[in-house]
Amino acid sequence: DDVRAVNPKIIYVGAYGFSQRGPYAAKPAYDDLIQGMVALPSVIQMAGADRPRFVPSTVADRITGLNAVNAVTTALFARERSGRGQAVEVSMFESLTQFVLSDHMGGKTFEPPAGPMGYPRLLAPHRNPYATTDGYLCLLMYNDKQWRNFFRLIGRADMFENDPRFATQAARSQHFAESYAFVAEHIKTRTSAEWLELLTGVDIPVMPLNSLDDLLDDPHLNETGFFSMLEHPSEGTLRSMGVPSQWSETVPDAPRPAPRLGEHSIEVLREAGYPNAEIDAMIASGITLTAA
């Protein structure tokens, strides 16, 4: 309210661990805590892990950050229409609850429940990268054409029509575990290179399983210039990632190295309209800093 009194068009977005209207409002929130509270480790165990495990990425932090960006852009659009700013609250717990239950609300979408919670396809025990004779592949057959083509590849063209588990999309949705297990048994009979050629040739979506190191050598990422090398004034040569989008008009600037403390103070203050004399006074009084 104090900020709005100065500028009624201000957009004030707060990112919190929990909604500030509930009993968790003042609780601490870190990525691991939120992952646990929204059942991500439990879902991983339901899918076949030997115990509950965290997703090995800071997904709660990042998803909440993206939700905050969405809130800012939506509030900016609303201000263009109305001329008014507003306060927006974005919370990690609620953001990740929506993220997880959008897949796994299942039968409890309905009241009374129509079945258990959990999306069977995502929880199928064989929904993993498929082992080949020399590695792993990621592939997904979804529509009738893809399944027909797979049966032809393995010399069982008759199965699509004759096995009721696989004959229709609806039937396959009732037999996810068997479908994944069936594919796994056949994929392990050839090399990754053989399957990549065969599956790509009949329009079945397939990609290799990369390691982290493989990403640095990925031909697509290298061709598109996703990675670049930057010289940091104090840290030396660094590998940087580009913006993961392409813009026809407002092309993003090339990435700059992570700033040192105070490196952009003068630049930011000038953009905000402060004259040099006031900036010098702020630096002299310690209100702001500049990089050494």
C-alpha atoms as a PDB file:
ATOM      1  CA  ASP A   1       0.000   0.000   0.000  1.00  0.00           C
ATOM      2  CA  ASP A   2       2.873   2.390   0.729  1.00  0.00           C
ATOM      3  CA  VAL A   3       4.402   1.716  -2.675  1.00  0.00           C
ATOM      4  CA  ARG A   4       1.049   2.057  -4.417  1.00  0.00           C
ATOM      5  CA  ALA A   5       0.548   5.447  -2.767  1.00  0.00           C
ATOM      6  CA  VAL A   6       3.684   6.653  -4.549  1.00  0.00           C
ATOM      7  CA  ASN A   7       2.913   4.981  -7.870  1.00  0.00           C
ATOM      8  CA  PRO A   8      -0.551   3.443  -8.412  1.00  0.00           C
ATOM      9  CA  LYS A   9       0.698   1.760 -11.618  1.00  0.00           C
ATOM     10  CA  ILE A  10       3.336  -0.283  -9.808  1.00  0.00           C
ATOM     11  CA  ILE A  11       3.280  -4.068 -10.244  1.00  0.00           C
ATOM     12  CA  TYR A  12       4.444  -5.659  -7.007  1.00  0.00           C
ATOM     13  CA  VAL A  13       5.086  -9.392  -7.349  1.00  0.00           C
ATOM     14  CA  GLY A  14       6.101 -11.375  -4.283  1.00  0.00           C
ATOM     15  CA  ALA A  15       7.443 -14.946  -4.451  1.00  0.00           C
ATOM     16  CA  TYR A  16       6.804 -16.875  -1.236  1.00  0.00           C
ATOM     17  CA  GLY A  17       7.211 -20.411  -0.002  1.00  0.00           C
ATOM     18  CA  PHE A  18       3.524 -20.686   0.818  1.00  0.00           C
ATOM     19  CA  SER A  19       0.365 -18.669   0.317  1.00  0.00           C
ATOM     20  CA  GLN A  20       0.364 -15.877   2.863  1.00  0.00           C
ATOM     21  CA  ARG A  21      -3.275 -16.625   3.679  1.00  0.00           C
ATOM     22  CA  GLY A  22      -2.661 -20.063   5.196  1.00  0.00           C
ATOM     23  CA  PRO A  23      -1.100 -21.610   8.318  1.00  0.00           C
ATOM     24  CA  TYR A  24       2.223 -22.322   6.512  1.00  0.00           C
ATOM     25  CA  ALA A  25       2.753 -18.642   5.646  1.00  0.00           C
ATOM     26  CA  ALA A  26       5.874 -18.158   7.789  1.00  0.00           C
ATOM     27  CA  LYS A  27       7.426 -21.602   7.299  1.00  0.00           C
ATOM     28  CA  PRO A  28      10.811 -21.923   5.538  1.00  0.00           C
ATOM     29  CA  ALA A  29      10.746 -23.197   1.964  1.00  0.00           C
ATOM     30  CA  TYR A  30      13.605 -24.769   0.066  1.00  0.00           C
ATOM     31  CA  ASP A  31      13.481 -26.859  -3.083  1.00  0.00           C
ATOM     32  CA  ASP A  32      13.889 -30.190  -1.265  1.00  0.00           C
ATOM     33  CA  LEU A  33      11.210 -29.336   1.287  1.00  0.00           C
ATOM     34  CA  ILE A  34       8.705 -28.334  -1.373  1.00  0.00           C
ATOM     35  CA  GLN A  35       9.448 -31.402  -3.512  1.00  0.00           C
ATOM     36  CA  GLY A  36       8.628 -33.554  -0.504  1.00  0.00           C
ATOM     37  CA  MET A  37       5.473 -31.661   0.399  1.00  0.00           C
ATOM     38  CA  VAL A  38       4.031 -31.999  -3.115  1.00  0.00           C
ATOM     39  CA  ALA A  39       4.788 -35.769  -3.157  1.00  0.00           C
ATOM     40  CA  LEU A  40       7.398 -35.776  -5.941  1.00  0.00           C
ATOM     41  CA  PRO A  41       9.686 -38.268  -4.097  1.00  0.00           C
ATOM     42  CA  SER A  42       6.652 -40.439  -3.331  1.00  0.00           C
ATOM     43  CA  VAL A  43       5.590 -40.434  -6.979  1.00  0.00           C
ATOM     44  CA  ILE A  44       9.107 -41.479  -8.004  1.00  0.00           C
ATOM     45  CA  GLN A  45       8.881 -44.424  -5.621  1.00  0.00           C
ATOM     46  CA  MET A  46       5.426 -45.296  -6.969  1.00  0.00           C
ATOM     47  CA  ALA A  47       7.030 -45.435 -10.433  1.00  0.00           C
ATOM     48  CA  GLY A  48       9.495 -48.100  -9.294  1.00  0.00           C
ATOM     49  CA  ALA A  49      12.361 -46.469  -7.381  1.00  0.00           C
ATOM     50  CA  ASP A  50      13.630 -48.404  -4.376  1.00  0.00           C
ATOM     51  CA  ARG A  51      12.829 -45.489  -2.053  1.00  0.00           C
ATOM     52  CA  PRO A  52      11.475 -41.929  -2.222  1.00  0.00           C
ATOM     53  CA  ARG A  53      13.962 -39.733  -4.104  1.00  0.00           C
ATOM     54  CA  PHE A  54      14.167 -36.042  -4.915  1.00  0.00           C
ATOM     55  CA  VAL A  55      14.246 -35.010  -8.562  1.00  0.00           C
ATOM     56  CA  PRO A  56      17.968 -34.257  -9.145  1.00  0.00           C
ATOM     57  CA  SER A  57      17.263 -30.731 -10.331  1.00  0.00           C
ATOM     58  CA  THR A  58      15.991 -27.647  -8.517  1.00  0.00           C
ATOM     59  CA  VAL A  59      12.589 -27.985 -10.147  1.00  0.00           C
ATOM     60  CA  ALA A  60      10.601 -26.251  -7.396  1.00  0.00           C
ATOM     61  CA  ASP A  61      12.782 -23.143  -7.513  1.00  0.00           C
ATOM     62  CA  ARG A  62      12.728 -22.975 -11.301  1.00  0.00           C
ATOM     63  CA  ILE A  63       9.032 -23.690 -11.808  1.00  0.00           C
ATOM     64  CA  THR A  64       8.151 -21.057  -9.214  1.00  0.00           C
ATOM     65  CA  GLY A  65      10.446 -18.589 -10.992  1.00  0.00           C
ATOM     66  CA  LEU A  66       8.677 -19.250 -14.296  1.00  0.00           C
ATOM     67  CA  ASN A  67       5.307 -18.784 -12.590  1.00  0.00           C
ATOM     68  CA  ALA A  68       6.559 -15.451 -11.256  1.00  0.00           C
ATOM     69  CA  VAL A  69       7.565 -14.385 -14.768  1.00  0.00           C
ATOM     70  CA  ASN A  70       4.113 -15.389 -16.026  1.00  0.00           C
ATOM     71  CA  ALA A  71       2.558 -13.323 -13.239  1.00  0.00           C
ATOM     72  CA  VAL A  72       4.642 -10.263 -14.134  1.00  0.00           C
ATOM     73  CA  THR A  73       3.834 -10.460 -17.850  1.00  0.00           C
ATOM     74  CA  THR A  74       0.132 -11.023 -17.162  1.00  0.00           C
ATOM     75  CA  ALA A  75       0.030  -8.081 -14.749  1.00  0.00           C
ATOM     76  CA  LEU A  76       1.795  -5.909 -17.337  1.00  0.00           C
ATOM     77  CA  PHE A  77      -0.846  -6.844 -19.893  1.00  0.00           C
ATOM     78  CA  ALA A  78      -3.639  -6.105 -17.413  1.00  0.00           C
ATOM     79  CA  ARG A  79      -2.066  -2.708 -16.699  1.00  0.00           C
ATOM     80  CA  GLU A  80      -2.000  -1.916 -20.415  1.00  0.00           C
ATOM     81  CA  ARG A  81      -5.757  -2.535 -20.468  1.00  0.00           C
ATOM     82  CA  SER A  82      -6.723  -0.911 -17.168  1.00  0.00           C
ATOM     83  CA  GLY A  83      -3.957   1.574 -16.404  1.00  0.00           C
ATOM     84  CA  ARG A  84      -3.690   0.121 -12.883  1.00  0.00           C
ATOM     85  CA  GLY A  85      -0.989  -1.907 -11.196  1.00  0.00           C
ATOM     86  CA  GLN A  86      -1.581  -4.586  -8.612  1.00  0.00           C
ATOM     87  CA  ALA A  87       0.047  -6.854  -6.045  1.00  0.00           C
ATOM     88  CA  VAL A  88       0.511 -10.491  -7.069  1.00  0.00           C
ATOM     89  CA  GLU A  89       1.499 -13.370  -4.791  1.00  0.00           C
ATOM     90  CA  VAL A  90       3.248 -16.436  -6.228  1.00  0.00           C
ATOM     91  CA  SER A  91       3.934 -19.354  -3.880  1.00  0.00           C
ATOM     92  CA  MET A  92       6.171 -22.397  -4.322  1.00  0.00           C
ATOM     93  CA  PHE A  93       3.923 -24.887  -2.548  1.00  0.00           C
ATOM     94  CA  GLU A  94       0.806 -24.015  -4.515  1.00  0.00           C
ATOM     95  CA  SER A  95       2.733 -23.742  -7.812  1.00  0.00           C
ATOM     96  CA  LEU A  96       4.250 -27.217  -7.429  1.00  0.00           C
ATOM     97  CA  THR A  97       1.029 -28.753  -6.109  1.00  0.00           C
ATOM     98  CA  GLN A  98      -0.687 -27.648  -9.303  1.00  0.00           C
ATOM     99  CA  PHE A  99       2.267 -28.909 -11.370  1.00  0.00           C
ATOM    100  CA  VAL A 100       2.174 -32.416  -9.855  1.00  0.00           C
ATOM    101  CA  LEU A 101      -1.577 -32.879  -9.543  1.00  0.00           C
ATOM    102  CA  SER A 102      -2.201 -31.707 -13.096  1.00  0.00           C
ATOM    103  CA  ASP A 103      -0.832 -35.142 -14.000  1.00  0.00           C
ATOM    104  CA  HIS A 104      -1.772 -37.173 -10.934  1.00  0.00           C
ATOM    105  CA  MET A 105      -5.156 -35.989  -9.614  1.00  0.00           C
ATOM    106  CA  GLY A 106      -6.589 -39.016 -11.404  1.00  0.00           C
ATOM    107  CA  GLY A 107      -9.830 -40.459 -10.108  1.00  0.00           C
ATOM    108  CA  LYS A 108     -10.036 -37.933  -7.295  1.00  0.00           C
ATOM    109  CA  THR A 109     -10.761 -35.250  -9.861  1.00  0.00           C
ATOM    110  CA  PHE A 110     -14.319 -36.408  -9.268  1.00  0.00           C
ATOM    111  CA  GLU A 111     -16.381 -36.442  -6.091  1.00  0.00           C
ATOM    112  CA  PRO A 112     -17.127 -39.128  -5.142  1.00  0.00           C
ATOM    113  CA  PRO A 113     -13.785 -40.444  -6.491  1.00  0.00           C
ATOM    114  CA  ALA A 114     -13.903 -42.375  -9.755  1.00  0.00           C
ATOM    115  CA  GLY A 115     -10.654 -44.182  -8.940  1.00  0.00           C
ATOM    116  CA  PRO A 116      -7.235 -43.728  -7.314  1.00  0.00           C
ATOM    117  CA  MET A 117      -4.872 -40.826  -7.809  1.00  0.00           C
ATOM    118  CA  GLY A 118      -1.906 -41.186 -10.166  1.00  0.00           C
ATOM    119  CA  TYR A 119      -1.469 -41.207 -13.957  1.00  0.00           C
ATOM    120  CA  PRO A 120      -0.875 -44.886 -14.850  1.00  0.00           C
ATOM    121  CA  ARG A 121       1.247 -44.161 -17.947  1.00  0.00           C
ATOM    122  CA  LEU A 122       3.692 -42.031 -15.989  1.00  0.00           C
ATOM    123  CA  LEU A 123       3.823 -44.568 -13.149  1.00  0.00           C
ATOM    124  CA  ALA A 124       4.258 -47.681 -15.312  1.00  0.00           C
ATOM    125  CA  PRO A 125       7.269 -49.637 -13.974  1.00  0.00           C
ATOM    126  CA  HIS A 126       8.911 -50.015 -17.405  1.00  0.00           C
ATOM    127  CA  ARG A 127       8.528 -46.332 -18.339  1.00  0.00           C
ATOM    128  CA  ASN A 128      12.288 -45.834 -18.415  1.00  0.00           C
ATOM    129  CA  PRO A 129      14.926 -45.427 -21.088  1.00  0.00           C
ATOM    130  CA  TYR A 130      14.969 -48.742 -22.927  1.00  0.00           C
ATOM    131  CA  ALA A 131      18.114 -50.880 -22.654  1.00  0.00           C
ATOM    132  CA  THR A 132      19.684 -51.963 -25.951  1.00  0.00           C
ATOM    133  CA  THR A 133      22.589 -54.375 -26.349  1.00  0.00           C
ATOM    134  CA  ASP A 134      25.045 -51.494 -25.917  1.00  0.00           C
ATOM    135  CA  GLY A 135      23.245 -48.585 -24.253  1.00  0.00           C
ATOM    136  CA  TYR A 136      19.840 -46.969 -23.852  1.00  0.00           C
ATOM    137  CA  LEU A 137      17.256 -45.273 -26.037  1.00  0.00           C
ATOM    138  CA  CYS A 138      14.266 -43.030 -25.337  1.00  0.00           C
ATOM    139  CA  LEU A 139      11.266 -43.768 -27.514  1.00  0.00           C
ATOM    140  CA  LEU A 140       7.525 -43.415 -27.323  1.00  0.00           C
ATOM    141  CA  MET A 141       4.885 -45.003 -29.498  1.00  0.00           C
ATOM    142  CA  TYR A 142       1.595 -43.246 -29.015  1.00  0.00           C
ATOM    143  CA  ASN A 143      -0.697 -43.547 -32.007  1.00  0.00           C
ATOM    144  CA  ASP A 144      -1.956 -46.507 -34.037  1.00  0.00           C
ATOM    145  CA  LYS A 145       0.388 -45.854 -36.955  1.00  0.00           C
ATOM    146  CA  GLN A 146       3.455 -45.981 -34.712  1.00  0.00           C
ATOM    147  CA  TRP A 147       2.358 -49.216 -33.039  1.00  0.00           C
ATOM    148  CA  ARG A 148       1.576 -50.851 -36.395  1.00  0.00           C
ATOM    149  CA  ASN A 149       5.020 -49.912 -37.662  1.00  0.00           C
ATOM    150  CA  PHE A 150       6.695 -51.318 -34.565  1.00  0.00           C
ATOM    151  CA  PHE A 151       4.924 -54.652 -34.915  1.00  0.00           C
ATOM    152  CA  ARG A 152       6.044 -54.817 -38.559  1.00  0.00           C
ATOM    153  CA  LEU A 153       9.652 -54.125 -37.507  1.00  0.00           C
ATOM    154  CA  ILE A 154       9.661 -57.037 -35.075  1.00  0.00           C
ATOM    155  CA  GLY A 155       7.953 -59.383 -37.543  1.00  0.00           C
ATOM    156  CA  ARG A 156       4.634 -59.473 -35.688  1.00  0.00           C
ATOM    157  CA  ALA A 157       2.366 -57.397 -37.927  1.00  0.00           C
ATOM    158  CA  ASP A 158      -0.631 -59.527 -36.952  1.00  0.00           C
ATOM    159  CA  MET A 159      -0.433 -58.523 -33.290  1.00  0.00           C
ATOM    160  CA  PHE A 160      -1.886 -55.064 -33.800  1.00  0.00           C
ATOM    161  CA  GLU A 161      -5.202 -56.474 -34.993  1.00  0.00           C
ATOM    162  CA  ASN A 162      -5.207 -59.685 -32.982  1.00  0.00           C
ATOM    163  CA  ASP A 163      -4.014 -58.665 -29.516  1.00  0.00           C
ATOM    164  CA  PRO A 164      -6.769 -56.647 -27.799  1.00  0.00           C
ATOM    165  CA  ARG A 165      -4.236 -55.027 -25.421  1.00  0.00           C
ATOM    166  CA  PHE A 166      -2.639 -53.087 -28.279  1.00  0.00           C
ATOM    167  CA  ALA A 167      -5.340 -52.675 -30.924  1.00  0.00           C
ATOM    168  CA  THR A 168      -6.647 -49.238 -29.885  1.00  0.00           C
ATOM    169  CA  GLN A 169      -5.541 -46.161 -28.006  1.00  0.00           C
ATOM    170  CA  ALA A 170      -8.190 -46.839 -25.373  1.00  0.00           C
ATOM    171  CA  ALA A 171      -7.031 -50.432 -24.903  1.00  0.00           C
ATOM    172  CA  ARG A 172      -3.382 -49.431 -24.598  1.00  0.00           C
ATOM    173  CA  SER A 173      -4.330 -46.846 -21.957  1.00  0.00           C
ATOM    174  CA  GLN A 174      -5.624 -49.734 -19.849  1.00  0.00           C
ATOM    175  CA  HIS A 175      -2.411 -51.754 -20.278  1.00  0.00           C
ATOM    176  CA  PHE A 176       0.415 -49.243 -19.971  1.00  0.00           C
ATOM    177  CA  ALA A 177       2.626 -51.518 -17.878  1.00  0.00           C
ATOM    178  CA  GLU A 178       2.308 -54.419 -20.339  1.00  0.00           C
ATOM    179  CA  SER A 179       2.906 -52.129 -23.318  1.00  0.00           C
ATOM    180  CA  TYR A 180       6.147 -50.730 -21.897  1.00  0.00           C
ATOM    181  CA  ALA A 181       7.323 -54.205 -20.856  1.00  0.00           C
ATOM    182  CA  PHE A 182       6.604 -55.600 -24.328  1.00  0.00           C
ATOM    183  CA  VAL A 183       8.637 -52.882 -26.024  1.00  0.00           C
ATOM    184  CA  ALA A 184      11.482 -53.278 -23.524  1.00  0.00           C
ATOM    185  CA  GLU A 185      11.805 -57.002 -24.311  1.00  0.00           C
ATOM    186  CA  HIS A 186      12.306 -56.308 -28.018  1.00  0.00           C
ATOM    187  CA  ILE A 187      14.502 -53.206 -27.772  1.00  0.00           C
ATOM    188  CA  LYS A 188      17.130 -55.118 -25.802  1.00  0.00           C
ATOM    189  CA  THR A 189      17.783 -57.389 -28.808  1.00  0.00           C
ATOM    190  CA  ARG A 190      19.660 -54.842 -30.988  1.00  0.00           C
ATOM    191  CA  THR A 191      22.215 -52.066 -30.672  1.00  0.00           C
ATOM    192  CA  SER A 192      21.240 -48.447 -30.151  1.00  0.00           C
ATOM    193  CA  ALA A 193      22.482 -47.512 -33.633  1.00  0.00           C
ATOM    194  CA  GLU A 194      20.421 -50.275 -35.255  1.00  0.00           C
ATOM    195  CA  TRP A 195      17.248 -49.232 -33.492  1.00  0.00           C
ATOM    196  CA  LEU A 196      17.818 -45.532 -34.185  1.00  0.00           C
ATOM    197  CA  GLU A 197      18.001 -46.268 -37.908  1.00  0.00           C
ATOM    198  CA  LEU A 198      15.068 -48.687 -37.938  1.00  0.00           C
ATOM    199  CA  LEU A 199      12.701 -46.642 -35.777  1.00  0.00           C
ATOM    200  CA  THR A 200      13.507 -43.337 -37.458  1.00  0.00           C
ATOM    201  CA  GLY A 201      12.909 -44.998 -40.817  1.00  0.00           C
ATOM    202  CA  VAL A 202       9.291 -45.837 -39.914  1.00  0.00           C
ATOM    203  CA  ASP A 203       8.540 -42.523 -38.181  1.00  0.00           C
ATOM    204  CA  ILE A 204       8.608 -43.768 -34.580  1.00  0.00           C
ATOM    205  CA  PRO A 205       9.856 -41.011 -32.211  1.00  0.00           C
ATOM    206  CA  VAL A 206      13.247 -42.049 -30.804  1.00  0.00           C
ATOM    207  CA  MET A 207      16.280 -40.304 -29.356  1.00  0.00           C
ATOM    208  CA  PRO A 208      19.464 -41.501 -27.660  1.00  0.00           C
ATOM    209  CA  LEU A 209      19.878 -41.261 -23.908  1.00  0.00           C
ATOM    210  CA  ASN A 210      22.442 -38.524 -23.326  1.00  0.00           C
ATOM    211  CA  SER A 211      24.814 -38.114 -20.435  1.00  0.00           C
ATOM    212  CA  LEU A 212      25.533 -34.635 -19.102  1.00  0.00           C
ATOM    213  CA  ASP A 213      28.806 -34.622 -21.046  1.00  0.00           C
ATOM    214  CA  ASP A 214      26.982 -35.635 -24.230  1.00  0.00           C
ATOM    215  CA  LEU A 215      25.000 -32.386 -24.146  1.00  0.00           C
ATOM    216  CA  LEU A 216      28.183 -30.364 -24.636  1.00  0.00           C
ATOM    217  CA  ASP A 217      28.874 -32.267 -27.858  1.00  0.00           C
ATOM    218  CA  ASP A 218      25.286 -32.406 -29.124  1.00  0.00           C
ATOM    219  CA  PRO A 219      25.365 -31.555 -32.857  1.00  0.00           C
ATOM    220  CA  HIS A 220      22.062 -29.681 -32.771  1.00  0.00           C
ATOM    221  CA  LEU A 221      23.070 -27.452 -29.849  1.00  0.00           C
ATOM    222  CA  ASN A 222      26.438 -26.778 -31.450  1.00  0.00           C
ATOM    223  CA  GLU A 223      24.884 -25.985 -34.842  1.00  0.00           C
ATOM    224  CA  THR A 224      22.439 -23.497 -33.287  1.00  0.00           C
ATOM    225  CA  GLY A 225      25.191 -21.820 -31.258  1.00  0.00           C
ATOM    226  CA  PHE A 226      23.593 -22.596 -27.912  1.00  0.00           C
ATOM    227  CA  PHE A 227      26.955 -22.723 -26.121  1.00  0.00           C
ATOM    228  CA  SER A 228      29.582 -20.001 -26.277  1.00  0.00           C
ATOM    229  CA  MET A 229      32.791 -19.190 -24.446  1.00  0.00           C
ATOM    230  CA  LEU A 230      33.082 -15.948 -22.478  1.00  0.00           C
ATOM    231  CA  GLU A 231      36.021 -14.267 -20.810  1.00  0.00           C
ATOM    232  CA  HIS A 232      35.193 -13.266 -17.247  1.00  0.00           C
ATOM    233  CA  PRO A 233      37.315 -10.457 -15.790  1.00  0.00           C
ATOM    234  CA  SER A 234      38.091 -12.403 -12.615  1.00  0.00           C
ATOM    235  CA  GLU A 235      37.145 -16.049 -13.294  1.00  0.00           C
ATOM    236  CA  GLY A 236      38.767 -16.624 -16.688  1.00  0.00           C
ATOM    237  CA  THR A 237      37.177 -18.552 -19.568  1.00  0.00           C
ATOM    238  CA  LEU A 238      33.602 -19.720 -18.912  1.00  0.00           C
ATOM    239  CA  ARG A 239      31.123 -21.746 -20.933  1.00  0.00           C
ATOM    240  CA  SER A 240      27.803 -19.922 -21.305  1.00  0.00           C
ATOM    241  CA  MET A 241      24.367 -20.995 -22.522  1.00  0.00           C
ATOM    242  CA  GLY A 242      22.292 -18.881 -24.878  1.00  0.00           C
ATOM    243  CA  VAL A 243      18.672 -17.779 -24.631  1.00  0.00           C
ATOM    244  CA  PRO A 244      16.498 -20.822 -25.508  1.00  0.00           C
ATOM    245  CA  SER A 245      14.243 -18.904 -27.884  1.00  0.00           C
ATOM    246  CA  GLN A 246      14.469 -17.081 -31.216  1.00  0.00           C
ATOM    247  CA  TRP A 247      13.072 -13.581 -31.760  1.00  0.00           C
ATOM    248  CA  SER A 248      12.317 -12.028 -35.158  1.00  0.00           C
ATOM    249  CA  GLU A 249      12.374  -8.419 -33.948  1.00  0.00           C
ATOM    250  CA  THR A 250      13.740  -7.904 -30.421  1.00  0.00           C
ATOM    251  CA  VAL A 251      16.743 -10.208 -30.582  1.00  0.00           C
ATOM    252  CA  PRO A 252      18.232 -10.743 -27.095  1.00  0.00           C
ATOM    253  CA  ASP A 253      21.736  -9.433 -26.465  1.00  0.00           C
ATOM    254  CA  ALA A 254      24.618 -11.862 -26.304  1.00  0.00           C
ATOM    255  CA  PRO A 255      25.083 -13.201 -22.760  1.00  0.00           C
ATOM    256  CA  ARG A 256      27.376 -11.287 -20.445  1.00  0.00           C
ATOM    257  CA  PRO A 257      29.465 -12.895 -17.703  1.00  0.00           C
ATOM    258  CA  ALA A 258      27.989 -13.086 -14.216  1.00  0.00           C
ATOM    259  CA  PRO A 259      28.562  -9.641 -12.690  1.00  0.00           C
ATOM    260  CA  ARG A 260      30.924  -8.894  -9.869  1.00  0.00           C
ATOM    261  CA  LEU A 261      29.437  -7.144  -6.840  1.00  0.00           C
ATOM    262  CA  GLY A 262      28.433  -3.642  -7.896  1.00  0.00           C
ATOM    263  CA  GLU A 263      29.629  -4.048 -11.490  1.00  0.00           C
ATOM    264  CA  HIS A 264      26.447  -2.612 -13.003  1.00  0.00           C
ATOM    265  CA  SER A 265      25.488  -0.127 -10.275  1.00  0.00           C
ATOM    266  CA  ILE A 266      26.332   2.970 -12.308  1.00  0.00           C
ATOM    267  CA  GLU A 267      24.725   1.548 -15.459  1.00  0.00           C
ATOM    268  CA  VAL A 268      21.473   0.724 -13.662  1.00  0.00           C
ATOM    269  CA  LEU A 269      21.283   4.079 -11.860  1.00  0.00           C
ATOM    270  CA  ARG A 270      21.852   5.979 -15.098  1.00  0.00           C
ATOM    271  CA  GLU A 271      19.084   3.988 -16.795  1.00  0.00           C
ATOM    272  CA  ALA A 272      16.828   4.932 -13.855  1.00  0.00           C
ATOM    273  CA  GLY A 273      17.523   8.609 -14.558  1.00  0.00           C
ATOM    274  CA  TYR A 274      19.919   9.564 -11.758  1.00  0.00           C
ATOM    275  CA  PRO A 275      22.436  12.296 -12.660  1.00  0.00           C
ATOM    276  CA  ASN A 276      26.146  11.570 -12.303  1.00  0.00           C
ATOM    277  CA  ALA A 277      26.493  13.841  -9.268  1.00  0.00           C
ATOM    278  CA  GLU A 278      23.885  11.881  -7.306  1.00  0.00           C
ATOM    279  CA  ILE A 279      25.433   8.565  -8.365  1.00  0.00           C
ATOM    280  CA  ASP A 280      28.848   9.751  -7.183  1.00  0.00           C
ATOM    281  CA  ALA A 281      27.323  10.788  -3.860  1.00  0.00           C
ATOM    282  CA  MET A 282      25.686   7.352  -3.421  1.00  0.00           C
ATOM    283  CA  ILE A 283      28.992   5.616  -4.057  1.00  0.00           C
ATOM    284  CA  ALA A 284      30.868   7.941  -1.710  1.00  0.00           C
ATOM    285  CA  SER A 285      28.371   7.382   1.103  1.00  0.00           C
ATOM    286  CA  GLY A 286      28.282   3.605   0.644  1.00  0.00           C
ATOM    287  CA  ILE A 287      24.643   3.486  -0.476  1.00  0.00           C
ATOM    288  CA  THR A 288      25.804   1.529  -3.509  1.00  0.00           C
ATOM    289  CA  LEU A 289      29.042  -0.066  -4.641  1.00  0.00           C
ATOM    290  CA  THR A 290      31.038  -0.434  -7.809  1.00  0.00           C
ATOM    291  CA  ALA A 291      33.161  -3.409  -8.807  1.00  0.00           C
ATOM    292  CA  ALA A 292      36.788  -3.202  -7.791  1.00  0.00           C
END
